[in-house]
PDB file of all heavy atoms in Angstrom:
ATOM      1  N   TYR A   1    -111.081 -83.212 106.346  1.00  0.00           N
ATOM      2  CA  TYR A   1    -109.953 -82.992 107.218  1.00  0.00           C
ATOM      3  C   TYR A   1    -108.651 -82.638 106.422  1.00  0.00           C
ATOM      4  O   TYR A   1    -108.588 -83.218 105.240  1.00  0.00           O
ATOM      5  CB  TYR A   1    -109.592 -84.164 108.020  1.00  0.00           C
ATOM      6  CG  TYR A   1    -110.672 -84.299 109.186  1.00  0.00           C
ATOM      7  CD1 TYR A   1    -111.958 -84.880 109.021  1.00  0.00           C
ATOM      8  CD2 TYR A   1    -110.373 -83.681 110.476  1.00  0.00           C
ATOM      9  CE1 TYR A   1    -112.797 -84.909 110.051  1.00  0.00           C
ATOM     10  CE2 TYR A   1    -111.286 -83.758 111.502  1.00  0.00           C
ATOM     11  CZ  TYR A   1    -112.546 -84.399 111.303  1.00  0.00           C
ATOM     12  OH  TYR A   1    -113.497 -84.441 112.287  1.00  0.00           O
ATOM     13  N   LEU A   2    -107.822 -81.795 106.953  1.00  0.00           N
ATOM     14  CA  LEU A   2    -106.581 -81.474 106.380  1.00  0.00           C
ATOM     15  C   LEU A   2    -105.501 -82.198 107.126  1.00  0.00           C
ATOM     16  O   LEU A   2    -105.327 -81.844 108.290  1.00  0.00           O
ATOM     17  CB  LEU A   2    -106.329 -79.915 106.329  1.00  0.00           C
ATOM     18  CG  LEU A   2    -104.921 -79.513 105.943  1.00  0.00           C
ATOM     19  CD1 LEU A   2    -104.515 -79.952 104.580  1.00  0.00           C
ATOM     20  CD2 LEU A   2    -104.901 -77.923 106.158  1.00  0.00           C
ATOM     21  N   LEU A   3    -104.759 -83.084 106.473  1.00  0.00           N
ATOM     22  CA  LEU A   3    -103.660 -83.745 107.131  1.00  0.00           C
ATOM     23  C   LEU A   3    -102.378 -83.086 106.629  1.00  0.00           C
ATOM     24  O   LEU A   3    -102.199 -82.946 105.505  1.00  0.00           O
ATOM     25  CB  LEU A   3    -103.640 -85.142 106.706  1.00  0.00           C
ATOM     26  CG  LEU A   3    -102.588 -86.101 107.309  1.00  0.00           C
ATOM     27  CD1 LEU A   3    -102.772 -86.219 108.799  1.00  0.00           C
ATOM     28  CD2 LEU A   3    -102.692 -87.502 106.595  1.00  0.00           C
ATOM     29  N   ARG A   4    -101.560 -82.666 107.608  1.00  0.00           N
ATOM     30  CA  ARG A   4    -100.230 -82.024 107.218  1.00  0.00           C
ATOM     31  C   ARG A   4     -99.247 -82.939 107.810  1.00  0.00           C
ATOM     32  O   ARG A   4     -99.200 -83.260 109.001  1.00  0.00           O
ATOM     33  CB  ARG A   4    -100.132 -80.685 107.837  1.00  0.00           C
ATOM     34  CG  ARG A   4    -100.951 -79.617 107.018  1.00  0.00           C
ATOM     35  CD  ARG A   4    -100.598 -78.246 107.544  1.00  0.00           C
ATOM     36  NE  ARG A   4    -101.346 -77.245 106.648  1.00  0.00           N
ATOM     37  CZ  ARG A   4    -102.037 -76.270 107.208  1.00  0.00           C
ATOM     38  NH1 ARG A   4    -102.184 -76.162 108.474  1.00  0.00           N
ATOM     39  NH2 ARG A   4    -102.642 -75.477 106.410  1.00  0.00           N
ATOM     40  N   ILE A   5     -98.122 -83.173 107.089  1.00  0.00           N
ATOM     41  CA  ILE A   5     -97.051 -84.056 107.413  1.00  0.00           C
ATOM     42  C   ILE A   5     -95.759 -83.233 107.191  1.00  0.00           C
ATOM     43  O   ILE A   5     -95.417 -82.902 106.029  1.00  0.00           O
ATOM     44  CB  ILE A   5     -96.939 -85.424 106.645  1.00  0.00           C
ATOM     45  CG1 ILE A   5     -98.346 -86.074 106.815  1.00  0.00           C
ATOM     46  CG2 ILE A   5     -95.825 -86.234 107.117  1.00  0.00           C
ATOM     47  CD1 ILE A   5     -98.587 -87.089 105.790  1.00  0.00           C
ATOM     48  N   TYR A   6     -95.045 -82.969 108.258  1.00  0.00           N
ATOM     49  CA  TYR A   6     -93.762 -82.153 108.180  1.00  0.00           C
ATOM     50  C   TYR A   6     -92.594 -83.119 108.358  1.00  0.00           C
ATOM     51  O   TYR A   6     -92.580 -83.683 109.383  1.00  0.00           O
ATOM     52  CB  TYR A   6     -93.787 -81.091 109.307  1.00  0.00           C
ATOM     53  CG  TYR A   6     -94.853 -80.077 109.348  1.00  0.00           C
ATOM     54  CD1 TYR A   6     -96.092 -80.375 109.792  1.00  0.00           C
ATOM     55  CD2 TYR A   6     -94.638 -78.840 108.773  1.00  0.00           C
ATOM     56  CE1 TYR A   6     -97.058 -79.401 109.909  1.00  0.00           C
ATOM     57  CE2 TYR A   6     -95.707 -77.833 108.794  1.00  0.00           C
ATOM     58  CZ  TYR A   6     -96.898 -78.175 109.285  1.00  0.00           C
ATOM     59  OH  TYR A   6     -97.926 -77.307 109.398  1.00  0.00           O
ATOM     60  N   ILE A   7     -91.781 -83.169 107.278  1.00  0.00           N
ATOM     61  CA  ILE A   7     -90.573 -84.059 107.368  1.00  0.00           C
ATOM     62  C   ILE A   7     -89.395 -83.317 106.714  1.00  0.00           C
ATOM     63  O   ILE A   7     -89.560 -82.156 106.273  1.00  0.00           O
ATOM     64  CB  ILE A   7     -90.962 -85.389 106.552  1.00  0.00           C
ATOM     65  CG1 ILE A   7     -91.301 -85.138 105.118  1.00  0.00           C
ATOM     66  CG2 ILE A   7     -91.981 -86.159 107.363  1.00  0.00           C
ATOM     67  CD1 ILE A   7     -91.498 -86.368 104.277  1.00  0.00           C
ATOM     68  N   GLY A   8     -88.302 -84.042 106.663  1.00  0.00           N
ATOM     69  CA  GLY A   8     -87.124 -83.481 105.917  1.00  0.00           C
ATOM     70  C   GLY A   8     -87.022 -84.062 104.452  1.00  0.00           C
ATOM     71  O   GLY A   8     -87.424 -85.193 104.215  1.00  0.00           O
ATOM     72  N   GLU A   9     -86.506 -83.345 103.643  1.00  0.00           N
ATOM     73  CA  GLU A   9     -86.298 -83.610 102.276  1.00  0.00           C
ATOM     74  C   GLU A   9     -85.453 -85.010 102.050  1.00  0.00           C
ATOM     75  O   GLU A   9     -85.694 -85.827 101.159  1.00  0.00           O
ATOM     76  CB  GLU A   9     -85.621 -82.595 101.489  1.00  0.00           C
ATOM     77  CG  GLU A   9     -85.514 -82.662 100.020  1.00  0.00           C
ATOM     78  CD  GLU A   9     -84.854 -81.435  99.363  1.00  0.00           C
ATOM     79  OE1 GLU A   9     -83.963 -80.854  99.988  1.00  0.00           O
ATOM     80  OE2 GLU A   9     -85.303 -81.143  98.275  1.00  0.00           O
ATOM     81  N   LEU A  10     -84.545 -85.212 103.000  1.00  0.00           N
ATOM     82  CA  LEU A  10     -83.606 -86.400 102.817  1.00  0.00           C
ATOM     83  C   LEU A  10     -84.223 -87.649 103.560  1.00  0.00           C
ATOM     84  O   LEU A  10     -83.577 -88.637 103.456  1.00  0.00           O
ATOM     85  CB  LEU A  10     -82.221 -86.121 103.361  1.00  0.00           C
ATOM     86  CG  LEU A  10     -81.568 -84.956 102.622  1.00  0.00           C
ATOM     87  CD1 LEU A  10     -80.140 -84.716 103.112  1.00  0.00           C
ATOM     88  CD2 LEU A  10     -81.399 -85.236 101.044  1.00  0.00           C
ATOM     89  N   ASP A  11     -85.321 -87.472 104.235  1.00  0.00           N
ATOM     90  CA  ASP A  11     -85.895 -88.684 104.897  1.00  0.00           C
ATOM     91  C   ASP A  11     -86.304 -89.712 103.844  1.00  0.00           C
ATOM     92  O   ASP A  11     -86.771 -89.388 102.756  1.00  0.00           O
ATOM     93  CB  ASP A  11     -87.151 -88.275 105.748  1.00  0.00           C
ATOM     94  CG  ASP A  11     -86.830 -87.296 106.812  1.00  0.00           C
ATOM     95  OD1 ASP A  11     -85.649 -87.240 107.319  1.00  0.00           O
ATOM     96  OD2 ASP A  11     -87.773 -86.727 107.434  1.00  0.00           O
ATOM     97  N   LYS A  12     -86.080 -90.992 104.209  1.00  0.00           N
ATOM     98  CA  LYS A  12     -86.244 -92.079 103.338  1.00  0.00           C
ATOM     99  C   LYS A  12     -87.267 -93.166 103.901  1.00  0.00           C
ATOM    100  O   LYS A  12     -87.444 -93.168 105.088  1.00  0.00           O
ATOM    101  CB  LYS A  12     -84.952 -92.834 103.033  1.00  0.00           C
ATOM    102  CG  LYS A  12     -83.834 -91.959 102.526  1.00  0.00           C
ATOM    103  CD  LYS A  12     -84.045 -91.773 101.077  1.00  0.00           C
ATOM    104  CE  LYS A  12     -82.817 -91.094 100.414  1.00  0.00           C
ATOM    105  NZ  LYS A  12     -83.173 -90.219  99.379  1.00  0.00           N
ATOM    106  N   TRP A  13     -87.909 -93.858 103.007  1.00  0.00           N
ATOM    107  CA  TRP A  13     -88.700 -95.020 103.254  1.00  0.00           C
ATOM    108  C   TRP A  13     -88.345 -96.061 102.277  1.00  0.00           C
ATOM    109  O   TRP A  13     -88.627 -95.943 101.117  1.00  0.00           O
ATOM    110  CB  TRP A  13     -90.196 -94.589 103.327  1.00  0.00           C
ATOM    111  CG  TRP A  13     -91.150 -95.808 103.434  1.00  0.00           C
ATOM    112  CD1 TRP A  13     -91.822 -96.424 102.506  1.00  0.00           C
ATOM    113  CD2 TRP A  13     -91.347 -96.498 104.643  1.00  0.00           C
ATOM    114  NE1 TRP A  13     -92.657 -97.457 103.066  1.00  0.00           N
ATOM    115  CE2 TRP A  13     -92.297 -97.461 104.425  1.00  0.00           C
ATOM    116  CE3 TRP A  13     -90.963 -96.374 105.971  1.00  0.00           C
ATOM    117  CZ2 TRP A  13     -92.805 -98.378 105.351  1.00  0.00           C
ATOM    118  CZ3 TRP A  13     -91.461 -97.200 106.949  1.00  0.00           C
ATOM    119  CH2 TRP A  13     -92.352 -98.273 106.640  1.00  0.00           C
ATOM    120  N   HIS A  14     -87.647 -97.160 102.814  1.00  0.00           N
ATOM    121  CA  HIS A  14     -87.265 -98.239 101.955  1.00  0.00           C
ATOM    122  C   HIS A  14     -86.529 -97.738 100.666  1.00  0.00           C
ATOM    123  O   HIS A  14     -86.837 -97.962  99.564  1.00  0.00           O
ATOM    124  CB  HIS A  14     -88.387 -99.154 101.401  1.00  0.00           C
ATOM    125  CG  HIS A  14     -89.148 -99.732 102.605  1.00  0.00           C
ATOM    126  ND1 HIS A  14     -88.569-100.794 103.340  1.00  0.00           N
ATOM    127  CD2 HIS A  14     -90.360 -99.541 103.109  1.00  0.00           C
ATOM    128  CE1 HIS A  14     -89.388-101.209 104.179  1.00  0.00           C
ATOM    129  NE2 HIS A  14     -90.436-100.453 104.226  1.00  0.00           N
ATOM    130  N   HIS A  15     -85.489 -96.898 100.898  1.00  0.00           N
ATOM    131  CA  HIS A  15     -84.588 -96.362  99.896  1.00  0.00           C
ATOM    132  C   HIS A  15     -85.315 -95.393  98.856  1.00  0.00           C
ATOM    133  O   HIS A  15     -84.648 -95.160  97.851  1.00  0.00           O
ATOM    134  CB  HIS A  15     -83.825 -97.491  99.134  1.00  0.00           C
ATOM    135  CG  HIS A  15     -83.233 -98.487  99.951  1.00  0.00           C
ATOM    136  ND1 HIS A  15     -82.089 -98.276 100.753  1.00  0.00           N
ATOM    137  CD2 HIS A  15     -83.582 -99.802 100.197  1.00  0.00           C
ATOM    138  CE1 HIS A  15     -81.774 -99.241 101.483  1.00  0.00           C
ATOM    139  NE2 HIS A  15     -82.585-100.316 101.155  1.00  0.00           N
ATOM    140  N   GLN A  16     -86.435 -94.862  99.234  1.00  0.00           N
ATOM    141  CA  GLN A  16     -87.107 -93.972  98.406  1.00  0.00           C
ATOM    142  C   GLN A  16     -87.447 -92.709  99.260  1.00  0.00           C
ATOM    143  O   GLN A  16     -87.538 -92.725 100.456  1.00  0.00           O
ATOM    144  CB  GLN A  16     -88.489 -94.616  98.030  1.00  0.00           C
ATOM    145  CG  GLN A  16     -89.395 -93.738  97.215  1.00  0.00           C
ATOM    146  CD  GLN A  16     -90.700 -94.418  96.912  1.00  0.00           C
ATOM    147  OE1 GLN A  16     -91.147 -95.316  97.583  1.00  0.00           O
ATOM    148  NE2 GLN A  16     -91.352 -94.051  95.799  1.00  0.00           N
ATOM    149  N   PRO A  17     -87.333 -91.502  98.574  1.00  0.00           N
ATOM    150  CA  PRO A  17     -87.665 -90.313  99.435  1.00  0.00           C
ATOM    151  C   PRO A  17     -89.059 -90.491 100.057  1.00  0.00           C
ATOM    152  O   PRO A  17     -90.004 -90.895  99.454  1.00  0.00           O
ATOM    153  CB  PRO A  17     -87.777 -89.139  98.297  1.00  0.00           C
ATOM    154  CG  PRO A  17     -86.826 -89.701  97.130  1.00  0.00           C
ATOM    155  CD  PRO A  17     -87.091 -91.263  97.272  1.00  0.00           C
ATOM    156  N   LEU A  18     -89.108 -90.133 101.392  1.00  0.00           N
ATOM    157  CA  LEU A  18     -90.235 -90.395 102.152  1.00  0.00           C
ATOM    158  C   LEU A  18     -91.538 -89.678 101.613  1.00  0.00           C
ATOM    159  O   LEU A  18     -92.557 -90.221 101.561  1.00  0.00           O
ATOM    160  CB  LEU A  18     -89.956 -89.963 103.633  1.00  0.00           C
ATOM    161  CG  LEU A  18     -91.202 -90.108 104.553  1.00  0.00           C
ATOM    162  CD1 LEU A  18     -91.767 -91.532 104.606  1.00  0.00           C
ATOM    163  CD2 LEU A  18     -90.801 -89.691 106.004  1.00  0.00           C
ATOM    164  N   TYR A  19     -91.303 -88.343 101.161  1.00  0.00           N
ATOM    165  CA  TYR A  19     -92.372 -87.619 100.561  1.00  0.00           C
ATOM    166  C   TYR A  19     -93.030 -88.329  99.443  1.00  0.00           C
ATOM    167  O   TYR A  19     -94.232 -88.359  99.271  1.00  0.00           O
ATOM    168  CB  TYR A  19     -92.020 -86.221 100.298  1.00  0.00           C
ATOM    169  CG  TYR A  19     -90.960 -86.044  99.249  1.00  0.00           C
ATOM    170  CD1 TYR A  19     -91.304 -85.832  97.966  1.00  0.00           C
ATOM    171  CD2 TYR A  19     -89.580 -85.871  99.524  1.00  0.00           C
ATOM    172  CE1 TYR A  19     -90.347 -85.634  96.897  1.00  0.00           C
ATOM    173  CE2 TYR A  19     -88.622 -85.763  98.657  1.00  0.00           C
ATOM    174  CZ  TYR A  19     -89.006 -85.606  97.353  1.00  0.00           C
ATOM    175  OH  TYR A  19     -88.054 -85.369  96.348  1.00  0.00           O
ATOM    176  N   GLU A  20     -92.214 -88.954  98.586  1.00  0.00           N
ATOM    177  CA  GLU A  20     -92.722 -89.628  97.396  1.00  0.00           C
ATOM    178  C   GLU A  20     -93.481 -90.910  97.817  1.00  0.00           C
ATOM    179  O   GLU A  20     -94.496 -91.243  97.324  1.00  0.00           O
ATOM    180  CB  GLU A  20     -91.526 -90.103  96.486  1.00  0.00           C
ATOM    181  CG  GLU A  20     -91.018 -88.938  95.581  1.00  0.00           C
ATOM    182  CD  GLU A  20     -89.949 -89.429  94.671  1.00  0.00           C
ATOM    183  OE1 GLU A  20     -89.731 -90.761  94.582  1.00  0.00           O
ATOM    184  OE2 GLU A  20     -89.341 -88.584  94.125  1.00  0.00           O
ATOM    185  N   ALA A  21     -92.908 -91.612  98.813  1.00  0.00           N
ATOM    186  CA  ALA A  21     -93.595 -92.796  99.327  1.00  0.00           C
ATOM    187  C   ALA A  21     -94.913 -92.509  99.927  1.00  0.00           C
ATOM    188  O   ALA A  21     -95.899 -93.276  99.751  1.00  0.00           O
ATOM    189  CB  ALA A  21     -92.642 -93.512 100.347  1.00  0.00           C
ATOM    190  N   ILE A  22     -95.004 -91.426 100.647  1.00  0.00           N
ATOM    191  CA  ILE A  22     -96.326 -90.958 101.278  1.00  0.00           C
ATOM    192  C   ILE A  22     -97.317 -90.673 100.252  1.00  0.00           C
ATOM    193  O   ILE A  22     -98.504 -91.075 100.186  1.00  0.00           O
ATOM    194  CB  ILE A  22     -96.013 -89.825 102.243  1.00  0.00           C
ATOM    195  CG1 ILE A  22     -95.357 -90.314 103.457  1.00  0.00           C
ATOM    196  CG2 ILE A  22     -97.465 -89.172 102.615  1.00  0.00           C
ATOM    197  CD1 ILE A  22     -94.851 -89.170 104.394  1.00  0.00           C
ATOM    198  N   VAL A  23     -96.920 -89.991  99.179  1.00  0.00           N
ATOM    199  CA  VAL A  23     -97.766 -89.565  98.101  1.00  0.00           C
ATOM    200  C   VAL A  23     -98.255 -90.787  97.311  1.00  0.00           C
ATOM    201  O   VAL A  23     -99.469 -90.979  97.101  1.00  0.00           O
ATOM    202  CB  VAL A  23     -97.235 -88.563  97.126  1.00  0.00           C
ATOM    203  CG1 VAL A  23     -98.007 -88.365  95.888  1.00  0.00           C
ATOM    204  CG2 VAL A  23     -96.924 -87.168  97.826  1.00  0.00           C
ATOM    205  N   LEU A  24     -97.423 -91.644  97.043  1.00  0.00           N
ATOM    206  CA  LEU A  24     -97.786 -92.913  96.367  1.00  0.00           C
ATOM    207  C   LEU A  24     -98.671 -93.855  97.130  1.00  0.00           C
ATOM    208  O   LEU A  24     -99.658 -94.326  96.639  1.00  0.00           O
ATOM    209  CB  LEU A  24     -96.494 -93.772  95.884  1.00  0.00           C
ATOM    210  CG  LEU A  24     -95.627 -93.013  94.952  1.00  0.00           C
ATOM    211  CD1 LEU A  24     -94.439 -93.858  94.666  1.00  0.00           C
ATOM    212  CD2 LEU A  24     -96.460 -92.865  93.530  1.00  0.00           C
ATOM    213  N   LYS A  25     -98.469 -93.874  98.508  1.00  0.00           N
ATOM    214  CA  LYS A  25     -99.363 -94.604  99.410  1.00  0.00           C
ATOM    215  C   LYS A  25    -100.731 -94.003  99.438  1.00  0.00           C
ATOM    216  O   LYS A  25    -101.759 -94.741  99.407  1.00  0.00           O
ATOM    217  CB  LYS A  25     -98.743 -94.742 100.803  1.00  0.00           C
ATOM    218  CG  LYS A  25     -99.525 -95.605 101.610  1.00  0.00           C
ATOM    219  CD  LYS A  25     -99.443 -97.003 101.223  1.00  0.00           C
ATOM    220  CE  LYS A  25     -99.971 -98.046 102.175  1.00  0.00           C
ATOM    221  NZ  LYS A  25     -99.967 -99.369 101.729  1.00  0.00           N
ATOM    222  N   ALA A  26    -100.790 -92.685  99.460  1.00  0.00           N
ATOM    223  CA  ALA A  26    -101.961 -91.965  99.497  1.00  0.00           C
ATOM    224  C   ALA A  26    -102.864 -92.204  98.215  1.00  0.00           C
ATOM    225  O   ALA A  26    -104.067 -92.495  98.224  1.00  0.00           O
ATOM    226  CB  ALA A  26    -101.821 -90.478  99.572  1.00  0.00           C
ATOM    227  N   ARG A  27    -102.073 -92.327  97.072  1.00  0.00           N
ATOM    228  CA  ARG A  27    -102.846 -92.603  95.891  1.00  0.00           C
ATOM    229  C   ARG A  27    -103.322 -94.042  95.739  1.00  0.00           C
ATOM    230  O   ARG A  27    -104.488 -94.274  95.405  1.00  0.00           O
ATOM    231  CB  ARG A  27    -101.813 -92.378  94.673  1.00  0.00           C
ATOM    232  CG  ARG A  27    -102.352 -92.510  93.363  1.00  0.00           C
ATOM    233  CD  ARG A  27    -101.425 -92.021  92.279  1.00  0.00           C
ATOM    234  NE  ARG A  27    -101.867 -92.220  90.931  1.00  0.00           N
ATOM    235  CZ  ARG A  27    -101.287 -92.671  89.884  1.00  0.00           C
ATOM    236  NH1 ARG A  27    -100.005 -93.183  90.118  1.00  0.00           N
ATOM    237  NH2 ARG A  27    -101.847 -92.740  88.745  1.00  0.00           N
ATOM    238  N   VAL A  28    -102.500 -94.941  96.245  1.00  0.00           N
ATOM    239  CA  VAL A  28    -102.994 -96.363  96.288  1.00  0.00           C
ATOM    240  C   VAL A  28    -104.222 -96.533  97.222  1.00  0.00           C
ATOM    241  O   VAL A  28    -105.037 -97.245  96.887  1.00  0.00           O
ATOM    242  CB  VAL A  28    -101.805 -97.263  96.778  1.00  0.00           C
ATOM    243  CG1 VAL A  28    -102.313 -98.653  97.206  1.00  0.00           C
ATOM    244  CG2 VAL A  28    -100.762 -97.318  95.788  1.00  0.00           C
ATOM    245  N   MET A  29    -104.166 -95.765  98.250  1.00  0.00           N
ATOM    246  CA  MET A  29    -105.359 -95.960  99.213  1.00  0.00           C
ATOM    247  C   MET A  29    -106.609 -95.079  98.736  1.00  0.00           C
ATOM    248  O   MET A  29    -107.554 -95.070  99.464  1.00  0.00           O
ATOM    249  CB  MET A  29    -104.908 -95.570 100.579  1.00  0.00           C
ATOM    250  CG  MET A  29    -103.891 -96.533 101.166  1.00  0.00           C
ATOM    251  SD  MET A  29    -103.485 -96.154 102.841  1.00  0.00           S
ATOM    252  CE  MET A  29    -105.099 -96.536 103.713  1.00  0.00           C
TER     253      MET A  29
END
């Protein structure tokens, strides 16, 4: 499966860029 997530560059997750947080979570999982 191909998962695509469309967000904005300035979106945040706990004071971190959201795109970075998503990539790091994917790596941890």
